[in-house]
Amino acid sequence: MMTKTQLIPGEIRQAKAIGSIAMVFVLVSFSMLFATLFMGYAALRTSAPVWPPMGMDNLPMLYPILSTIFIAISSLCWNMFEKTLKLSWVLATLVLGLAFTASQFGLWSELKLHGILAGTGVFASVIYTFTWIHMAHIAVALALLIWPIVWVKKEQVTDIRAVKITSIGKFWHFLGIIWALMFVTLFVL
């Protein structure tokens, strides 16, 4: 049984409003960061006579595809968690987030096997910059997933914590959307 601290409706509305406004600021600032990266990539790609540069292998696709699958399914698991507050769904989200992380390390290893290192040119540095920055945000999101796990395990999901769970979910879904854009932009087009 979940314990709920009873708040008056005005306090709940205020907490939701503050949480929503704070999350908007976070997501807008991160959106600007990634938009800048995408615009820089577009400028580099459209100004290059050949992309990827001559002599550079096409990027390996196995790990980006696995990453996409892991992060997409993790978003579905998070949706189920928000609806049910069942521990199994948030744990599934965490496990899939860790699988996404492992697939990113696999991608970086495979890039190195193909001779694509961060310092081997603009093409490589763009790939690493995108994936490193995104992975840093994933690491933060994975750390944030610990709180809902603890709250659900201890049956301490309150109205205020439910607002925090919603905010964590928005951040998680945002990172999934960013990865989808990265996948299409960097690996498909």
N, C-alpha and C. Protein backbone atom coordinates (compact mmCIF):
# COMPACT_ATOMS: atom_id res chain seq x y z
N MET A 1 0.85 -1.17 0.00
CA MET A 1 0.00 0.00 0.00
C MET A 1 0.89 1.24 0.00
N MET A 2 0.62 2.17 -0.88
CA MET A 2 1.37 3.41 -0.97
C MET A 2 0.86 4.38 0.08
N THR A 3 1.78 5.00 0.79
CA THR A 3 1.38 6.02 1.74
C THR A 3 1.35 7.36 1.02
N LYS A 4 0.38 8.13 1.32
CA LYS A 4 0.24 9.43 0.69
C LYS A 4 0.09 10.49 1.76
N THR A 5 0.91 11.50 1.67
CA THR A 5 0.75 12.64 2.56
C THR A 5 -0.37 13.48 1.98
N GLN A 6 -1.33 13.78 2.78
CA GLN A 6 -2.46 14.56 2.30
C GLN A 6 -2.11 16.04 2.28
N LEU A 7 -2.14 16.59 1.13
CA LEU A 7 -1.91 18.02 0.96
C LEU A 7 -3.21 18.66 0.53
N ILE A 8 -3.35 19.91 0.86
CA ILE A 8 -4.54 20.59 0.38
C ILE A 8 -4.35 20.84 -1.11
N PRO A 9 -5.45 20.87 -1.86
CA PRO A 9 -5.35 20.99 -3.32
C PRO A 9 -4.48 22.15 -3.79
N GLY A 10 -4.50 23.27 -3.09
CA GLY A 10 -3.68 24.42 -3.49
C GLY A 10 -2.20 24.12 -3.41
N GLU A 11 -1.78 23.38 -2.38
CA GLU A 11 -0.38 23.01 -2.24
C GLU A 11 0.05 22.07 -3.35
N ILE A 12 -0.83 21.15 -3.71
CA ILE A 12 -0.52 20.21 -4.79
C ILE A 12 -0.39 20.96 -6.10
N ARG A 13 -1.33 21.86 -6.38
CA ARG A 13 -1.26 22.65 -7.61
C ARG A 13 0.02 23.47 -7.65
N GLN A 14 0.38 24.07 -6.52
CA GLN A 14 1.59 24.89 -6.46
C GLN A 14 2.83 24.03 -6.70
N ALA A 15 2.90 22.86 -6.09
CA ALA A 15 4.05 21.97 -6.28
C ALA A 15 4.15 21.53 -7.73
N LYS A 16 3.01 21.20 -8.34
CA LYS A 16 3.01 20.81 -9.75
C LYS A 16 3.47 21.95 -10.63
N ALA A 17 2.99 23.15 -10.34
CA ALA A 17 3.37 24.32 -11.15
C ALA A 17 4.86 24.59 -11.04
N ILE A 18 5.38 24.57 -9.82
CA ILE A 18 6.81 24.82 -9.63
C ILE A 18 7.64 23.73 -10.30
N GLY A 19 7.23 22.48 -10.12
CA GLY A 19 7.94 21.37 -10.76
C GLY A 19 7.90 21.46 -12.27
N SER A 20 6.76 21.84 -12.81
CA SER A 20 6.63 21.97 -14.26
C SER A 20 7.47 23.11 -14.80
N ILE A 21 7.45 24.24 -14.12
CA ILE A 21 8.24 25.39 -14.56
C ILE A 21 9.73 25.06 -14.50
N ALA A 22 10.16 24.44 -13.42
CA ALA A 22 11.57 24.07 -13.29
C ALA A 22 11.98 23.10 -14.40
N MET A 23 11.12 22.12 -14.68
CA MET A 23 11.45 21.16 -15.73
C MET A 23 11.47 21.82 -17.10
N VAL A 24 10.60 22.78 -17.34
CA VAL A 24 10.62 23.51 -18.61
C VAL A 24 11.97 24.21 -18.77
N PHE A 25 12.46 24.86 -17.72
CA PHE A 25 13.76 25.53 -17.80
C PHE A 25 14.88 24.53 -18.09
N VAL A 26 14.86 23.40 -17.42
CA VAL A 26 15.88 22.37 -17.63
C VAL A 26 15.83 21.88 -19.08
N LEU A 27 14.64 21.52 -19.54
CA LEU A 27 14.52 20.96 -20.89
C LEU A 27 14.83 21.99 -21.97
N VAL A 28 14.45 23.24 -21.75
CA VAL A 28 14.77 24.29 -22.73
C VAL A 28 16.28 24.49 -22.80
N SER A 29 16.95 24.53 -21.66
CA SER A 29 18.40 24.73 -21.69
C SER A 29 19.11 23.55 -22.35
N PHE A 30 18.68 22.33 -22.06
CA PHE A 30 19.28 21.17 -22.71
C PHE A 30 18.93 21.14 -24.20
N SER A 31 17.72 21.58 -24.54
CA SER A 31 17.33 21.65 -25.96
C SER A 31 18.24 22.61 -26.71
N MET A 32 18.57 23.73 -26.09
CA MET A 32 19.47 24.69 -26.74
C MET A 32 20.85 24.09 -26.95
N LEU A 33 21.33 23.35 -25.96
CA LEU A 33 22.63 22.69 -26.10
C LEU A 33 22.62 21.74 -27.29
N PHE A 34 21.63 20.87 -27.34
CA PHE A 34 21.58 19.90 -28.43
C PHE A 34 21.25 20.56 -29.77
N ALA A 35 20.43 21.60 -29.77
CA ALA A 35 20.14 22.33 -31.02
C ALA A 35 21.42 22.93 -31.57
N THR A 36 22.26 23.46 -30.70
CA THR A 36 23.54 24.01 -31.14
C THR A 36 24.41 22.92 -31.76
N LEU A 37 24.44 21.76 -31.14
CA LEU A 37 25.20 20.65 -31.70
C LEU A 37 24.65 20.24 -33.07
N PHE A 38 23.33 20.14 -33.19
CA PHE A 38 22.74 19.76 -34.47
C PHE A 38 23.01 20.81 -35.55
N MET A 39 22.92 22.09 -35.18
CA MET A 39 23.19 23.14 -36.17
C MET A 39 24.66 23.12 -36.59
N GLY A 40 25.56 22.91 -35.64
CA GLY A 40 26.97 22.80 -35.99
C GLY A 40 27.22 21.62 -36.91
N TYR A 41 26.58 20.50 -36.62
CA TYR A 41 26.72 19.32 -37.47
C TYR A 41 26.19 19.61 -38.87
N ALA A 42 25.04 20.26 -38.95
CA ALA A 42 24.46 20.59 -40.27
C ALA A 42 25.40 21.50 -41.05
N ALA A 43 25.99 22.48 -40.39
CA ALA A 43 26.92 23.38 -41.08
C ALA A 43 28.14 22.62 -41.58
N LEU A 44 28.67 21.73 -40.77
CA LEU A 44 29.83 20.94 -41.19
C LEU A 44 29.48 20.01 -42.34
N ARG A 45 28.36 19.35 -42.20
CA ARG A 45 27.99 18.36 -43.21
C ARG A 45 27.66 19.01 -44.55
N THR A 46 26.96 20.12 -44.53
CA THR A 46 26.59 20.77 -45.80
C THR A 46 27.78 21.47 -46.46
N SER A 47 28.79 21.81 -45.69
CA SER A 47 29.96 22.47 -46.28
C SER A 47 31.01 21.47 -46.76
N ALA A 48 30.90 20.23 -46.35
CA ALA A 48 31.86 19.21 -46.76
C ALA A 48 31.50 18.68 -48.15
N PRO A 49 32.49 18.56 -49.04
CA PRO A 49 32.19 18.03 -50.37
C PRO A 49 31.73 16.57 -50.34
N VAL A 50 32.25 15.80 -49.37
CA VAL A 50 31.89 14.38 -49.23
C VAL A 50 31.70 14.10 -47.74
N TRP A 51 30.62 13.37 -47.42
CA TRP A 51 30.38 13.01 -46.02
C TRP A 51 29.99 11.56 -45.92
N PRO A 52 30.60 10.73 -45.13
CA PRO A 52 31.77 11.03 -44.32
C PRO A 52 32.99 11.33 -45.20
N PRO A 53 34.00 11.96 -44.63
CA PRO A 53 35.18 12.33 -45.41
C PRO A 53 35.81 11.13 -46.11
N MET A 54 36.49 11.40 -47.20
CA MET A 54 37.14 10.34 -47.98
C MET A 54 38.04 9.50 -47.08
N GLY A 55 38.01 8.20 -47.29
CA GLY A 55 38.85 7.30 -46.53
C GLY A 55 38.27 6.92 -45.17
N MET A 56 37.18 7.53 -44.81
CA MET A 56 36.56 7.25 -43.51
C MET A 56 35.45 6.23 -43.72
N ASP A 57 35.49 5.17 -42.93
CA ASP A 57 34.44 4.15 -43.03
C ASP A 57 33.09 4.72 -42.63
N ASN A 58 32.04 4.12 -43.19
CA ASN A 58 30.71 4.43 -42.67
C ASN A 58 30.64 3.94 -41.23
N LEU A 59 29.79 4.57 -40.48
CA LEU A 59 29.69 4.21 -39.07
C LEU A 59 29.05 2.84 -38.90
N PRO A 60 29.54 2.07 -37.92
CA PRO A 60 28.90 0.78 -37.62
C PRO A 60 27.49 1.02 -37.08
N MET A 61 26.56 0.15 -37.44
CA MET A 61 25.15 0.38 -37.10
C MET A 61 24.62 -0.48 -35.95
N LEU A 62 25.28 -1.59 -35.63
CA LEU A 62 24.72 -2.50 -34.63
C LEU A 62 24.45 -1.80 -33.30
N TYR A 63 25.44 -1.13 -32.77
CA TYR A 63 25.27 -0.51 -31.45
C TYR A 63 24.30 0.67 -31.47
N PRO A 64 24.32 1.52 -32.49
CA PRO A 64 23.28 2.57 -32.53
C PRO A 64 21.86 2.00 -32.60
N ILE A 65 21.68 0.90 -33.34
CA ILE A 65 20.36 0.28 -33.42
C ILE A 65 19.96 -0.29 -32.05
N LEU A 66 20.90 -0.99 -31.41
CA LEU A 66 20.61 -1.52 -30.07
C LEU A 66 20.29 -0.40 -29.09
N SER A 67 21.06 0.68 -29.16
CA SER A 67 20.81 1.83 -28.27
C SER A 67 19.41 2.36 -28.47
N THR A 68 19.00 2.45 -29.72
CA THR A 68 17.67 2.97 -30.05
C THR A 68 16.58 2.06 -29.49
N ILE A 69 16.77 0.77 -29.65
CA ILE A 69 15.79 -0.19 -29.12
C ILE A 69 15.71 -0.08 -27.59
N PHE A 70 16.87 -0.05 -26.94
CA PHE A 70 16.89 0.01 -25.47
C PHE A 70 16.21 1.27 -24.95
N ILE A 71 16.52 2.41 -25.54
CA ILE A 71 15.97 3.66 -25.00
C ILE A 71 14.48 3.79 -25.32
N ALA A 72 14.06 3.26 -26.48
CA ALA A 72 12.63 3.31 -26.83
C ALA A 72 11.81 2.43 -25.88
N ILE A 73 12.28 1.22 -25.63
CA ILE A 73 11.55 0.33 -24.73
C ILE A 73 11.58 0.88 -23.30
N SER A 74 12.69 1.52 -22.92
CA SER A 74 12.77 2.08 -21.56
C SER A 74 11.72 3.18 -21.37
N SER A 75 11.44 3.95 -22.41
CA SER A 75 10.40 4.98 -22.32
C SER A 75 9.03 4.35 -22.11
N LEU A 76 8.78 3.25 -22.81
CA LEU A 76 7.51 2.54 -22.62
C LEU A 76 7.40 2.00 -21.19
N CYS A 77 8.50 1.47 -20.68
CA CYS A 77 8.50 0.97 -19.29
C CYS A 77 8.25 2.11 -18.31
N TRP A 78 8.86 3.27 -18.57
CA TRP A 78 8.63 4.40 -17.66
C TRP A 78 7.16 4.82 -17.69
N ASN A 79 6.57 4.83 -18.88
CA ASN A 79 5.13 5.16 -18.97
C ASN A 79 4.31 4.20 -18.11
N MET A 80 4.62 2.92 -18.18
CA MET A 80 3.90 1.95 -17.36
C MET A 80 4.15 2.19 -15.87
N PHE A 81 5.38 2.57 -15.54
CA PHE A 81 5.68 2.87 -14.14
C PHE A 81 4.84 4.04 -13.64
N GLU A 82 4.77 5.10 -14.43
CA GLU A 82 3.99 6.28 -14.00
C GLU A 82 2.51 5.93 -13.82
N LYS A 83 2.01 5.02 -14.63
CA LYS A 83 0.59 4.64 -14.52
C LYS A 83 0.33 3.73 -13.32
N THR A 84 1.29 2.83 -13.02
CA THR A 84 1.04 1.80 -12.01
C THR A 84 1.83 1.97 -10.72
N LEU A 85 2.92 2.71 -10.77
CA LEU A 85 3.87 2.84 -9.65
C LEU A 85 4.37 1.48 -9.17
N LYS A 86 4.50 0.54 -10.09
CA LYS A 86 5.02 -0.79 -9.74
C LYS A 86 6.54 -0.79 -9.89
N LEU A 87 7.19 -1.36 -8.90
CA LEU A 87 8.64 -1.40 -8.85
C LEU A 87 9.23 -2.05 -10.10
N SER A 88 8.59 -3.08 -10.60
CA SER A 88 9.13 -3.80 -11.75
C SER A 88 9.32 -2.89 -12.96
N TRP A 89 8.44 -1.92 -13.15
CA TRP A 89 8.54 -1.04 -14.32
C TRP A 89 9.69 -0.05 -14.20
N VAL A 90 9.90 0.50 -13.02
CA VAL A 90 11.02 1.44 -12.86
C VAL A 90 12.34 0.68 -12.90
N LEU A 91 12.36 -0.55 -12.38
CA LEU A 91 13.57 -1.37 -12.47
C LEU A 91 13.86 -1.74 -13.92
N ALA A 92 12.82 -2.04 -14.69
CA ALA A 92 13.01 -2.33 -16.11
C ALA A 92 13.58 -1.11 -16.83
N THR A 93 13.09 0.07 -16.47
CA THR A 93 13.61 1.31 -17.06
C THR A 93 15.09 1.45 -16.74
N LEU A 94 15.45 1.21 -15.50
CA LEU A 94 16.85 1.31 -15.08
C LEU A 94 17.72 0.30 -15.82
N VAL A 95 17.28 -0.94 -15.90
CA VAL A 95 18.06 -1.98 -16.58
C VAL A 95 18.24 -1.62 -18.06
N LEU A 96 17.19 -1.15 -18.69
CA LEU A 96 17.30 -0.76 -20.10
C LEU A 96 18.18 0.47 -20.27
N GLY A 97 18.15 1.38 -19.30
CA GLY A 97 19.06 2.52 -19.34
C GLY A 97 20.51 2.08 -19.22
N LEU A 98 20.76 1.09 -18.37
CA LEU A 98 22.11 0.53 -18.25
C LEU A 98 22.51 -0.22 -19.52
N ALA A 99 21.55 -0.90 -20.15
CA ALA A 99 21.83 -1.56 -21.43
C ALA A 99 22.16 -0.53 -22.50
N PHE A 100 21.45 0.60 -22.49
CA PHE A 100 21.77 1.70 -23.41
C PHE A 100 23.21 2.16 -23.17
N THR A 101 23.57 2.32 -21.91
CA THR A 101 24.93 2.74 -21.56
C THR A 101 25.96 1.75 -22.09
N ALA A 102 25.71 0.47 -21.88
CA ALA A 102 26.63 -0.57 -22.37
C ALA A 102 26.73 -0.52 -23.90
N SER A 103 25.61 -0.27 -24.57
CA SER A 103 25.65 -0.20 -26.03
C SER A 103 26.44 1.02 -26.51
N GLN A 104 26.44 2.09 -25.73
CA GLN A 104 27.25 3.26 -26.09
C GLN A 104 28.74 2.93 -25.97
N PHE A 105 29.11 2.21 -24.90
CA PHE A 105 30.50 1.78 -24.77
C PHE A 105 30.88 0.84 -25.91
N GLY A 106 29.94 -0.02 -26.30
CA GLY A 106 30.17 -0.89 -27.45
C GLY A 106 30.38 -0.09 -28.72
N LEU A 107 29.59 0.95 -28.91
CA LEU A 107 29.74 1.82 -30.08
C LEU A 107 31.13 2.45 -30.09
N TRP A 108 31.54 3.01 -28.95
CA TRP A 108 32.86 3.66 -28.90
C TRP A 108 33.98 2.67 -29.17
N SER A 109 33.85 1.45 -28.67
CA SER A 109 34.86 0.41 -28.93
C SER A 109 34.91 0.07 -30.41
N GLU A 110 33.73 -0.06 -31.01
CA GLU A 110 33.68 -0.40 -32.43
C GLU A 110 34.22 0.73 -33.29
N LEU A 111 33.93 1.96 -32.91
CA LEU A 111 34.49 3.10 -33.65
C LEU A 111 36.02 3.05 -33.61
N LYS A 112 36.57 2.75 -32.45
CA LYS A 112 38.03 2.66 -32.32
C LYS A 112 38.58 1.54 -33.19
N LEU A 113 37.88 0.40 -33.25
CA LEU A 113 38.32 -0.71 -34.11
C LEU A 113 38.36 -0.30 -35.58
N HIS A 114 37.47 0.62 -35.97
CA HIS A 114 37.44 1.12 -37.34
C HIS A 114 38.40 2.30 -37.54
N GLY A 115 39.18 2.62 -36.53
CA GLY A 115 40.12 3.73 -36.64
C GLY A 115 39.49 5.10 -36.49
N ILE A 116 38.26 5.13 -36.00
CA ILE A 116 37.57 6.41 -35.81
C ILE A 116 37.73 6.80 -34.34
N LEU A 117 38.71 7.67 -34.10
CA LEU A 117 39.00 8.15 -32.75
C LEU A 117 38.57 9.60 -32.65
N ALA A 118 38.37 10.07 -31.44
CA ALA A 118 37.88 11.44 -31.23
C ALA A 118 38.77 12.48 -31.91
N GLY A 119 40.06 12.22 -31.99
CA GLY A 119 40.98 13.20 -32.57
C GLY A 119 41.33 12.97 -34.03
N THR A 120 40.60 12.10 -34.72
CA THR A 120 40.96 11.79 -36.11
C THR A 120 40.28 12.68 -37.14
N GLY A 121 39.65 13.72 -36.71
CA GLY A 121 39.05 14.65 -37.66
C GLY A 121 37.68 15.12 -37.20
N VAL A 122 37.14 16.02 -38.00
CA VAL A 122 35.86 16.64 -37.66
C VAL A 122 34.75 15.60 -37.57
N PHE A 123 34.69 14.70 -38.53
CA PHE A 123 33.65 13.67 -38.56
C PHE A 123 33.64 12.90 -37.25
N ALA A 124 34.80 12.39 -36.86
CA ALA A 124 34.90 11.59 -35.64
C ALA A 124 34.60 12.43 -34.40
N SER A 125 35.13 13.64 -34.36
CA SER A 125 34.91 14.46 -33.16
C SER A 125 33.44 14.80 -32.98
N VAL A 126 32.72 14.97 -34.08
CA VAL A 126 31.28 15.25 -34.00
C VAL A 126 30.55 14.05 -33.39
N ILE A 127 30.87 12.86 -33.86
CA ILE A 127 30.21 11.65 -33.36
C ILE A 127 30.47 11.49 -31.86
N TYR A 128 31.72 11.63 -31.47
CA TYR A 128 32.06 11.49 -30.06
C TYR A 128 31.45 12.59 -29.21
N THR A 129 31.47 13.82 -29.70
CA THR A 129 30.90 14.93 -28.93
C THR A 129 29.42 14.70 -28.66
N PHE A 130 28.67 14.36 -29.70
CA PHE A 130 27.24 14.08 -29.53
C PHE A 130 27.02 12.96 -28.51
N THR A 131 27.69 11.84 -28.73
CA THR A 131 27.41 10.67 -27.89
C THR A 131 27.92 10.86 -26.46
N TRP A 132 29.04 11.55 -26.28
CA TRP A 132 29.54 11.78 -24.92
C TRP A 132 28.60 12.71 -24.15
N ILE A 133 28.19 13.79 -24.79
CA ILE A 133 27.30 14.74 -24.10
C ILE A 133 25.97 14.07 -23.76
N HIS A 134 25.43 13.33 -24.72
CA HIS A 134 24.17 12.63 -24.47
C HIS A 134 24.35 11.61 -23.33
N MET A 135 25.47 10.89 -23.35
CA MET A 135 25.70 9.88 -22.31
C MET A 135 25.85 10.52 -20.94
N ALA A 136 26.43 11.71 -20.86
CA ALA A 136 26.52 12.42 -19.57
C ALA A 136 25.13 12.70 -19.02
N HIS A 137 24.21 13.09 -19.90
CA HIS A 137 22.83 13.35 -19.48
C HIS A 137 22.13 12.05 -19.07
N ILE A 138 22.41 10.97 -19.80
CA ILE A 138 21.84 9.66 -19.44
C ILE A 138 22.33 9.24 -18.05
N ALA A 139 23.60 9.49 -17.75
CA ALA A 139 24.14 9.14 -16.44
C ALA A 139 23.39 9.87 -15.32
N VAL A 140 23.10 11.15 -15.55
CA VAL A 140 22.32 11.91 -14.56
C VAL A 140 20.93 11.31 -14.42
N ALA A 141 20.30 11.00 -15.55
CA ALA A 141 18.95 10.43 -15.51
C ALA A 141 18.93 9.08 -14.80
N LEU A 142 19.95 8.26 -15.03
CA LEU A 142 20.02 6.97 -14.34
C LEU A 142 20.14 7.17 -12.83
N ALA A 143 20.92 8.15 -12.42
CA ALA A 143 21.03 8.45 -10.99
C ALA A 143 19.68 8.90 -10.43
N LEU A 144 18.94 9.69 -11.20
CA LEU A 144 17.62 10.16 -10.75
C LEU A 144 16.63 9.01 -10.59
N LEU A 145 16.80 7.94 -11.36
CA LEU A 145 15.89 6.79 -11.27
C LEU A 145 15.98 6.09 -9.92
N ILE A 146 17.06 6.30 -9.20
CA ILE A 146 17.22 5.64 -7.90
C ILE A 146 16.14 6.12 -6.92
N TRP A 147 15.82 7.41 -6.94
CA TRP A 147 14.82 7.94 -6.00
C TRP A 147 13.47 7.24 -6.11
N PRO A 148 12.88 7.18 -7.31
CA PRO A 148 11.59 6.48 -7.39
C PRO A 148 11.67 5.01 -6.96
N ILE A 149 12.80 4.38 -7.22
CA ILE A 149 12.96 2.98 -6.78
C ILE A 149 12.85 2.91 -5.26
N VAL A 150 13.55 3.80 -4.58
CA VAL A 150 13.51 3.82 -3.11
C VAL A 150 12.11 4.15 -2.62
N TRP A 151 11.49 5.17 -3.20
CA TRP A 151 10.15 5.58 -2.75
C TRP A 151 9.13 4.46 -2.90
N VAL A 152 9.18 3.77 -4.03
CA VAL A 152 8.21 2.69 -4.27
C VAL A 152 8.51 1.51 -3.35
N LYS A 153 9.78 1.18 -3.20
CA LYS A 153 10.15 0.06 -2.33
C LYS A 153 9.69 0.29 -0.90
N LYS A 154 9.84 1.52 -0.43
CA LYS A 154 9.46 1.85 0.95
C LYS A 154 8.00 2.30 1.06
N GLU A 155 7.29 2.24 -0.05
CA GLU A 155 5.89 2.68 -0.10
C GLU A 155 5.74 4.11 0.42
N GLN A 156 6.60 4.98 -0.10
CA GLN A 156 6.60 6.37 0.33
C GLN A 156 6.39 7.33 -0.84
N VAL A 157 5.50 6.97 -1.73
CA VAL A 157 5.18 7.87 -2.85
C VAL A 157 4.11 8.84 -2.36
N THR A 158 4.51 10.08 -2.21
CA THR A 158 3.59 11.13 -1.77
C THR A 158 3.15 11.95 -2.98
N ASP A 159 2.23 12.87 -2.77
CA ASP A 159 1.80 13.74 -3.86
C ASP A 159 2.98 14.53 -4.43
N ILE A 160 3.82 15.05 -3.55
CA ILE A 160 4.99 15.82 -3.99
C ILE A 160 5.97 14.93 -4.73
N ARG A 161 6.19 13.74 -4.25
CA ARG A 161 7.10 12.81 -4.93
C ARG A 161 6.53 12.37 -6.27
N ALA A 162 5.23 12.29 -6.37
CA ALA A 162 4.60 11.97 -7.66
C ALA A 162 4.91 13.05 -8.68
N VAL A 163 4.96 14.30 -8.24
CA VAL A 163 5.34 15.41 -9.13
C VAL A 163 6.79 15.22 -9.57
N LYS A 164 7.66 14.83 -8.66
CA LYS A 164 9.06 14.59 -9.00
C LYS A 164 9.20 13.42 -9.97
N ILE A 165 8.40 12.39 -9.77
CA ILE A 165 8.41 11.25 -10.68
C ILE A 165 8.03 11.70 -12.09
N THR A 166 7.04 12.56 -12.19
CA THR A 166 6.63 13.08 -13.50
C THR A 166 7.77 13.87 -14.14
N SER A 167 8.46 14.67 -13.36
CA SER A 167 9.58 15.46 -13.90
C SER A 167 10.72 14.56 -14.36
N ILE A 168 11.03 13.54 -13.58
CA ILE A 168 12.07 12.59 -13.99
C ILE A 168 11.67 11.92 -15.30
N GLY A 169 10.39 11.58 -15.43
CA GLY A 169 9.90 10.98 -16.66
C GLY A 169 10.04 11.91 -17.86
N LYS A 170 9.75 13.17 -17.67
CA LYS A 170 9.91 14.13 -18.78
C LYS A 170 11.36 14.19 -19.23
N PHE A 171 12.27 14.19 -18.27
CA PHE A 171 13.70 14.22 -18.60
C PHE A 171 14.10 12.95 -19.34
N TRP A 172 13.62 11.80 -18.86
CA TRP A 172 13.96 10.52 -19.50
C TRP A 172 13.43 10.48 -20.94
N HIS A 173 12.20 10.90 -21.14
CA HIS A 173 11.63 10.91 -22.49
C HIS A 173 12.35 11.90 -23.39
N PHE A 174 12.72 13.05 -22.84
CA PHE A 174 13.49 14.04 -23.60
C PHE A 174 14.77 13.41 -24.13
N LEU A 175 15.48 12.68 -23.28
CA LEU A 175 16.73 12.04 -23.72
C LEU A 175 16.46 10.98 -24.78
N GLY A 176 15.34 10.30 -24.69
CA GLY A 176 14.97 9.35 -25.73
C GLY A 176 14.72 10.04 -27.06
N ILE A 177 14.05 11.17 -27.03
CA ILE A 177 13.78 11.94 -28.25
C ILE A 177 15.10 12.44 -28.85
N ILE A 178 15.97 12.96 -27.99
CA ILE A 178 17.27 13.44 -28.48
C ILE A 178 18.04 12.30 -29.12
N TRP A 179 18.04 11.12 -28.49
CA TRP A 179 18.75 9.99 -29.09
C TRP A 179 18.14 9.64 -30.45
N ALA A 180 16.82 9.64 -30.56
CA ALA A 180 16.18 9.31 -31.84
C ALA A 180 16.64 10.30 -32.92
N LEU A 181 16.69 11.58 -32.58
CA LEU A 181 17.18 12.59 -33.53
C LEU A 181 18.64 12.35 -33.88
N MET A 182 19.45 12.02 -32.88
CA MET A 182 20.86 11.72 -33.13
C MET A 182 21.00 10.50 -34.02
N PHE A 183 20.23 9.47 -33.74
CA PHE A 183 20.31 8.24 -34.53
C PHE A 183 20.04 8.52 -36.00
N VAL A 184 18.96 9.23 -36.26
CA VAL A 184 18.60 9.53 -37.65
C VAL A 184 19.65 10.44 -38.29
N THR A 185 20.05 11.48 -37.58
CA THR A 185 20.97 12.47 -38.14
C THR A 185 22.37 11.92 -38.35
N LEU A 186 22.91 11.24 -37.35
CA LEU A 186 24.30 10.80 -37.41
C LEU A 186 24.50 9.45 -38.09
N PHE A 187 23.55 8.55 -37.94
CA PHE A 187 23.77 7.19 -38.38
C PHE A 187 22.95 6.78 -39.60
N VAL A 188 21.84 7.45 -39.86
CA VAL A 188 20.98 7.04 -40.98
C VAL A 188 21.17 7.94 -42.19
N LEU A 189 21.08 9.25 -41.99
CA LEU A 189 21.18 10.18 -43.13
C LEU A 189 22.57 10.26 -43.70
